[in-house]
Amino acid sequence: MGLPENIVLDGYTLIEQHEIDHEFLINGSPLTAATPVLFALSIGGMLLVAASFFLRGTRRFITGLLGAVLTLTKLWWMPIALAQQFNDSQVFGYTLKYYPQYWPVASIIVVGIALIGLISAFFFRR
């Protein structure tokens, strides 16, 4: 799929749209340390997902769910941050759709780990 070669955002030129795409490159993939706080939150989420397999009951549920949410930190942070930066709500949808396509392997890894956390939280409660 990749990034669009024609204009997708109403009211934007192709150059302005590529400025948004450039932000994807500046901020890096969901697994990069280019944004240290988001990287730390994502790693913390992954550790919580792993820890959830060793817990039982409510602790397992909370740890797995919190781990899944934190693992996806950069995937939900990017659309919000760019929508505020460009002051346009349609940038939110554009980023939500195209940011994971810009970094497909890292996005699949992060989503997979989050799904494992959700499985741990909801399906293995004892």
N, C-alpha and C. Protein backbone atom coordinates (compact mmCIF):
# COMPACT_ATOMS: atom_id res chain seq x y z
N MET A 1 0.83 -1.18 0.00
CA MET A 1 0.00 0.00 0.00
C MET A 1 0.88 1.25 0.00
N GLY A 2 1.54 1.55 1.11
CA GLY A 2 2.43 2.70 1.15
C GLY A 2 1.71 4.03 1.22
N LEU A 3 2.48 5.06 1.04
CA LEU A 3 1.94 6.42 1.09
C LEU A 3 1.31 6.79 -0.24
N PRO A 4 0.27 7.61 -0.22
CA PRO A 4 -0.38 7.99 -1.47
C PRO A 4 0.49 8.92 -2.31
N GLU A 5 0.43 8.73 -3.61
CA GLU A 5 1.18 9.59 -4.53
C GLU A 5 0.33 10.75 -5.04
N ASN A 6 -0.96 10.72 -4.75
CA ASN A 6 -1.82 11.84 -5.14
C ASN A 6 -2.42 12.44 -3.87
N ILE A 7 -3.11 13.54 -4.04
CA ILE A 7 -3.65 14.28 -2.89
C ILE A 7 -4.82 13.52 -2.28
N VAL A 8 -4.74 13.28 -0.98
CA VAL A 8 -5.80 12.60 -0.25
C VAL A 8 -6.54 13.58 0.66
N LEU A 9 -5.82 14.56 1.19
CA LEU A 9 -6.40 15.52 2.12
C LEU A 9 -7.00 16.71 1.38
N ASP A 10 -8.25 17.00 1.66
CA ASP A 10 -8.91 18.15 1.03
C ASP A 10 -8.27 19.45 1.51
N GLY A 11 -8.00 20.34 0.57
CA GLY A 11 -7.45 21.64 0.90
C GLY A 11 -5.94 21.65 1.05
N TYR A 12 -5.29 20.54 0.81
CA TYR A 12 -3.83 20.45 0.91
C TYR A 12 -3.23 20.24 -0.47
N THR A 13 -2.04 20.77 -0.67
CA THR A 13 -1.30 20.45 -1.89
C THR A 13 -0.50 19.18 -1.61
N LEU A 14 0.07 18.61 -2.65
CA LEU A 14 0.87 17.41 -2.47
C LEU A 14 2.10 17.68 -1.60
N ILE A 15 2.66 18.88 -1.73
CA ILE A 15 3.82 19.25 -0.91
C ILE A 15 3.43 19.34 0.56
N GLU A 16 2.28 19.94 0.85
CA GLU A 16 1.82 20.03 2.24
C GLU A 16 1.52 18.64 2.81
N GLN A 17 0.97 17.79 1.98
CA GLN A 17 0.69 16.42 2.43
C GLN A 17 1.99 15.68 2.72
N HIS A 18 3.01 15.93 1.91
CA HIS A 18 4.30 15.28 2.15
C HIS A 18 5.00 15.83 3.39
N GLU A 19 4.63 17.03 3.83
CA GLU A 19 5.15 17.54 5.11
C GLU A 19 4.66 16.66 6.26
N ILE A 20 3.42 16.22 6.16
CA ILE A 20 2.88 15.31 7.17
C ILE A 20 3.62 13.98 7.10
N ASP A 21 3.83 13.48 5.88
CA ASP A 21 4.57 12.23 5.71
C ASP A 21 5.98 12.35 6.26
N HIS A 22 6.57 13.53 6.13
CA HIS A 22 7.92 13.75 6.64
C HIS A 22 7.95 13.64 8.17
N GLU A 23 6.88 14.02 8.81
CA GLU A 23 6.78 13.87 10.27
C GLU A 23 6.85 12.40 10.67
N PHE A 24 6.32 11.51 9.82
CA PHE A 24 6.42 10.08 10.09
C PHE A 24 7.88 9.66 10.16
N LEU A 25 8.68 10.20 9.26
CA LEU A 25 10.10 9.87 9.21
C LEU A 25 10.85 10.49 10.39
N ILE A 26 10.53 11.73 10.72
CA ILE A 26 11.21 12.41 11.83
C ILE A 26 10.95 11.70 13.16
N ASN A 27 9.70 11.31 13.40
CA ASN A 27 9.34 10.67 14.67
C ASN A 27 9.68 9.19 14.71
N GLY A 28 9.94 8.58 13.58
CA GLY A 28 10.38 7.20 13.53
C GLY A 28 9.27 6.18 13.70
N SER A 29 9.69 4.94 13.69
CA SER A 29 8.75 3.82 13.77
C SER A 29 8.20 3.67 15.18
N PRO A 30 7.19 2.81 15.36
CA PRO A 30 6.66 2.57 16.70
C PRO A 30 7.68 1.95 17.66
N LEU A 31 8.78 1.43 17.14
CA LEU A 31 9.78 0.79 17.99
C LEU A 31 11.09 1.57 18.09
N THR A 32 11.12 2.79 17.60
CA THR A 32 12.36 3.56 17.62
C THR A 32 12.51 4.34 18.93
N ALA A 33 13.75 4.64 19.26
CA ALA A 33 14.03 5.43 20.45
C ALA A 33 14.16 6.91 20.13
N ALA A 34 13.73 7.34 18.93
CA ALA A 34 13.81 8.75 18.54
C ALA A 34 12.93 9.62 19.43
N THR A 35 11.88 9.05 19.95
CA THR A 35 11.02 9.73 20.92
C THR A 35 11.13 8.94 22.23
N PRO A 36 12.07 9.31 23.11
CA PRO A 36 12.41 8.47 24.27
C PRO A 36 11.26 8.18 25.23
N VAL A 37 10.41 9.15 25.49
CA VAL A 37 9.31 8.92 26.43
C VAL A 37 8.33 7.90 25.86
N LEU A 38 7.99 8.05 24.59
CA LEU A 38 7.07 7.10 23.96
C LEU A 38 7.70 5.72 23.86
N PHE A 39 9.00 5.68 23.60
CA PHE A 39 9.71 4.40 23.54
C PHE A 39 9.67 3.72 24.91
N ALA A 40 9.92 4.48 25.97
CA ALA A 40 9.88 3.92 27.32
C ALA A 40 8.49 3.41 27.67
N LEU A 41 7.45 4.14 27.29
CA LEU A 41 6.08 3.68 27.54
C LEU A 41 5.78 2.40 26.77
N SER A 42 6.24 2.32 25.53
CA SER A 42 6.02 1.12 24.72
C SER A 42 6.75 -0.09 25.31
N ILE A 43 7.99 0.10 25.71
CA ILE A 43 8.75 -0.99 26.32
C ILE A 43 8.11 -1.40 27.65
N GLY A 44 7.68 -0.42 28.42
CA GLY A 44 6.97 -0.73 29.66
C GLY A 44 5.71 -1.54 29.40
N GLY A 45 4.99 -1.19 28.35
CA GLY A 45 3.80 -1.96 27.98
C GLY A 45 4.14 -3.38 27.60
N MET A 46 5.22 -3.56 26.86
CA MET A 46 5.64 -4.91 26.48
C MET A 46 6.02 -5.74 27.70
N LEU A 47 6.69 -5.10 28.66
CA LEU A 47 7.05 -5.80 29.90
C LEU A 47 5.80 -6.17 30.70
N LEU A 48 4.81 -5.29 30.71
CA LEU A 48 3.55 -5.60 31.40
C LEU A 48 2.83 -6.76 30.73
N VAL A 49 2.85 -6.80 29.40
CA VAL A 49 2.23 -7.92 28.68
C VAL A 49 2.91 -9.22 29.08
N ALA A 50 4.24 -9.21 29.10
CA ALA A 50 4.97 -10.42 29.50
C ALA A 50 4.66 -10.80 30.95
N ALA A 51 4.60 -9.81 31.83
CA ALA A 51 4.32 -10.07 33.24
C ALA A 51 2.91 -10.60 33.46
N SER A 52 1.99 -10.22 32.60
CA SER A 52 0.59 -10.64 32.78
C SER A 52 0.43 -12.15 32.70
N PHE A 53 1.34 -12.84 32.03
CA PHE A 53 1.23 -14.30 31.93
C PHE A 53 1.58 -14.99 33.25
N PHE A 54 2.22 -14.28 34.16
CA PHE A 54 2.61 -14.88 35.43
C PHE A 54 1.68 -14.49 36.57
N LEU A 55 0.63 -13.75 36.26
CA LEU A 55 -0.31 -13.29 37.28
C LEU A 55 -1.64 -14.01 37.13
N ARG A 56 -2.50 -13.85 38.12
CA ARG A 56 -3.83 -14.48 38.08
C ARG A 56 -4.91 -13.45 38.40
N GLY A 57 -6.12 -13.76 37.95
CA GLY A 57 -7.29 -12.98 38.31
C GLY A 57 -7.27 -11.55 37.82
N THR A 58 -7.66 -10.65 38.72
CA THR A 58 -7.79 -9.24 38.37
C THR A 58 -6.45 -8.61 38.03
N ARG A 59 -5.40 -9.04 38.70
CA ARG A 59 -4.07 -8.49 38.40
C ARG A 59 -3.67 -8.81 36.96
N ARG A 60 -3.98 -10.02 36.52
CA ARG A 60 -3.66 -10.41 35.15
C ARG A 60 -4.44 -9.55 34.16
N PHE A 61 -5.71 -9.33 34.44
CA PHE A 61 -6.56 -8.53 33.57
C PHE A 61 -6.03 -7.10 33.45
N ILE A 62 -5.77 -6.48 34.59
CA ILE A 62 -5.30 -5.08 34.59
C ILE A 62 -3.93 -4.97 33.92
N THR A 63 -3.03 -5.88 34.25
CA THR A 63 -1.68 -5.83 33.69
C THR A 63 -1.70 -6.07 32.18
N GLY A 64 -2.47 -7.05 31.72
CA GLY A 64 -2.56 -7.33 30.28
C GLY A 64 -3.18 -6.19 29.51
N LEU A 65 -4.26 -5.62 30.04
CA LEU A 65 -4.94 -4.52 29.37
C LEU A 65 -4.08 -3.26 29.35
N LEU A 66 -3.48 -2.91 30.48
CA LEU A 66 -2.61 -1.74 30.53
C LEU A 66 -1.38 -1.93 29.64
N GLY A 67 -0.84 -3.13 29.63
CA GLY A 67 0.30 -3.43 28.76
C GLY A 67 -0.05 -3.27 27.29
N ALA A 68 -1.24 -3.72 26.90
CA ALA A 68 -1.67 -3.59 25.50
C ALA A 68 -1.81 -2.13 25.11
N VAL A 69 -2.41 -1.34 25.97
CA VAL A 69 -2.60 0.09 25.68
C VAL A 69 -1.25 0.81 25.59
N LEU A 70 -0.36 0.53 26.53
CA LEU A 70 0.94 1.19 26.53
C LEU A 70 1.82 0.75 25.36
N THR A 71 1.69 -0.51 24.95
CA THR A 71 2.47 -0.99 23.82
C THR A 71 2.11 -0.22 22.55
N LEU A 72 0.87 0.18 22.43
CA LEU A 72 0.40 0.91 21.24
C LEU A 72 0.56 2.42 21.37
N THR A 73 1.34 2.88 22.34
CA THR A 73 1.47 4.31 22.63
C THR A 73 1.74 5.15 21.39
N LYS A 74 2.72 4.78 20.61
CA LYS A 74 3.10 5.62 19.47
C LYS A 74 2.04 5.57 18.36
N LEU A 75 1.34 4.45 18.22
CA LEU A 75 0.32 4.36 17.18
C LEU A 75 -0.89 5.24 17.49
N TRP A 76 -1.21 5.48 18.75
CA TRP A 76 -2.32 6.38 19.04
C TRP A 76 -1.84 7.80 19.31
N TRP A 77 -0.56 7.96 19.67
CA TRP A 77 -0.04 9.30 19.93
C TRP A 77 0.18 10.08 18.64
N MET A 78 0.69 9.45 17.59
CA MET A 78 1.01 10.15 16.34
C MET A 78 -0.21 10.85 15.73
N PRO A 79 -1.36 10.19 15.57
CA PRO A 79 -2.51 10.91 15.00
C PRO A 79 -2.95 12.11 15.83
N ILE A 80 -2.93 11.96 17.14
CA ILE A 80 -3.33 13.07 18.01
C ILE A 80 -2.35 14.22 17.89
N ALA A 81 -1.06 13.92 17.95
CA ALA A 81 -0.02 14.96 17.91
C ALA A 81 -0.02 15.70 16.57
N LEU A 82 -0.13 14.97 15.47
CA LEU A 82 -0.10 15.63 14.16
C LEU A 82 -1.39 16.41 13.88
N ALA A 83 -2.52 15.93 14.39
CA ALA A 83 -3.76 16.69 14.22
C ALA A 83 -3.66 18.02 14.96
N GLN A 84 -3.01 18.03 16.11
CA GLN A 84 -2.81 19.28 16.84
C GLN A 84 -1.77 20.16 16.17
N GLN A 85 -0.70 19.54 15.67
CA GLN A 85 0.37 20.31 15.04
C GLN A 85 -0.12 21.01 13.78
N PHE A 86 -0.90 20.31 12.96
CA PHE A 86 -1.39 20.89 11.71
C PHE A 86 -2.77 21.53 11.89
N ASN A 87 -3.34 21.44 13.09
CA ASN A 87 -4.61 22.06 13.43
C ASN A 87 -5.71 21.69 12.45
N ASP A 88 -5.81 20.40 12.16
CA ASP A 88 -6.80 19.92 11.20
C ASP A 88 -7.19 18.49 11.57
N SER A 89 -8.48 18.27 11.75
CA SER A 89 -8.94 16.95 12.18
C SER A 89 -8.78 15.88 11.10
N GLN A 90 -8.77 16.26 9.83
CA GLN A 90 -8.61 15.24 8.80
C GLN A 90 -7.18 14.67 8.79
N VAL A 91 -6.23 15.39 9.37
CA VAL A 91 -4.86 14.87 9.51
C VAL A 91 -4.86 13.68 10.48
N PHE A 92 -5.77 13.71 11.46
CA PHE A 92 -5.90 12.58 12.39
C PHE A 92 -6.20 11.29 11.64
N GLY A 93 -7.22 11.32 10.79
CA GLY A 93 -7.58 10.13 10.02
C GLY A 93 -6.50 9.70 9.05
N TYR A 94 -5.87 10.69 8.42
CA TYR A 94 -4.79 10.41 7.47
C TYR A 94 -3.64 9.71 8.19
N THR A 95 -3.25 10.23 9.34
CA THR A 95 -2.15 9.64 10.10
C THR A 95 -2.53 8.26 10.63
N LEU A 96 -3.75 8.12 11.09
CA LEU A 96 -4.22 6.83 11.60
C LEU A 96 -4.15 5.76 10.51
N LYS A 97 -4.42 6.16 9.28
CA LYS A 97 -4.41 5.20 8.17
C LYS A 97 -3.01 4.95 7.62
N TYR A 98 -2.22 6.01 7.42
CA TYR A 98 -0.96 5.86 6.69
C TYR A 98 0.27 5.69 7.56
N TYR A 99 0.26 6.10 8.83
CA TYR A 99 1.46 5.92 9.66
C TYR A 99 1.83 4.45 9.82
N PRO A 100 0.88 3.56 10.15
CA PRO A 100 1.25 2.14 10.23
C PRO A 100 1.72 1.56 8.90
N GLN A 101 1.25 2.10 7.78
CA GLN A 101 1.69 1.63 6.47
C GLN A 101 3.10 2.11 6.16
N TYR A 102 3.51 3.22 6.75
CA TYR A 102 4.86 3.74 6.55
C TYR A 102 5.88 2.87 7.26
N TRP A 103 5.51 2.29 8.39
CA TRP A 103 6.36 1.40 9.17
C TRP A 103 5.62 0.08 9.37
N PRO A 104 5.41 -0.72 8.33
CA PRO A 104 4.54 -1.89 8.44
C PRO A 104 5.05 -2.98 9.39
N VAL A 105 6.31 -3.33 9.33
CA VAL A 105 6.82 -4.43 10.16
C VAL A 105 6.77 -4.05 11.64
N ALA A 106 7.25 -2.87 11.97
CA ALA A 106 7.22 -2.42 13.37
C ALA A 106 5.78 -2.31 13.87
N SER A 107 4.87 -1.85 13.02
CA SER A 107 3.47 -1.73 13.42
C SER A 107 2.85 -3.10 13.67
N ILE A 108 3.18 -4.06 12.82
CA ILE A 108 2.65 -5.42 13.00
C ILE A 108 3.17 -6.03 14.30
N ILE A 109 4.44 -5.81 14.59
CA ILE A 109 5.03 -6.34 15.83
C ILE A 109 4.33 -5.74 17.04
N VAL A 110 4.14 -4.43 17.04
CA VAL A 110 3.52 -3.75 18.17
C VAL A 110 2.06 -4.19 18.34
N VAL A 111 1.33 -4.26 17.25
CA VAL A 111 -0.07 -4.69 17.32
C VAL A 111 -0.15 -6.15 17.78
N GLY A 112 0.76 -6.98 17.31
CA GLY A 112 0.79 -8.38 17.74
C GLY A 112 1.03 -8.52 19.23
N ILE A 113 1.96 -7.76 19.77
CA ILE A 113 2.23 -7.80 21.21
C ILE A 113 1.02 -7.30 21.99
N ALA A 114 0.37 -6.25 21.48
CA ALA A 114 -0.84 -5.74 22.15
C ALA A 114 -1.95 -6.79 22.13
N LEU A 115 -2.10 -7.50 21.02
CA LEU A 115 -3.11 -8.56 20.95
C LEU A 115 -2.80 -9.68 21.94
N ILE A 116 -1.54 -10.02 22.09
CA ILE A 116 -1.15 -11.02 23.08
C ILE A 116 -1.53 -10.55 24.48
N GLY A 117 -1.34 -9.26 24.75
CA GLY A 117 -1.74 -8.71 26.05
C GLY A 117 -3.24 -8.79 26.27
N LEU A 118 -4.02 -8.51 25.22
CA LEU A 118 -5.47 -8.62 25.33
C LEU A 118 -5.91 -10.06 25.52
N ILE A 119 -5.26 -10.97 24.82
CA ILE A 119 -5.58 -12.40 24.99
C ILE A 119 -5.28 -12.82 26.43
N SER A 120 -4.15 -12.38 26.94
CA SER A 120 -3.80 -12.70 28.32
C SER A 120 -4.82 -12.12 29.29
N ALA A 121 -5.27 -10.91 29.02
CA ALA A 121 -6.20 -10.23 29.93
C ALA A 121 -7.59 -10.86 29.93
N PHE A 122 -8.09 -11.21 28.75
CA PHE A 122 -9.49 -11.63 28.66
C PHE A 122 -9.71 -13.13 28.60
N PHE A 123 -8.78 -13.89 28.03
CA PHE A 123 -9.07 -15.30 27.81
C PHE A 123 -8.44 -16.24 28.83
N PHE A 124 -7.46 -15.80 29.55
CA PHE A 124 -6.82 -16.69 30.51
C PHE A 124 -7.05 -16.24 31.95
N ARG A 125 -8.19 -15.63 32.20
CA ARG A 125 -8.51 -15.20 33.57
C ARG A 125 -8.96 -16.42 34.37
N ARG A 126 -8.34 -16.62 35.52
CA ARG A 126 -8.75 -17.75 36.38
C ARG A 126 -8.99 -17.26 37.78
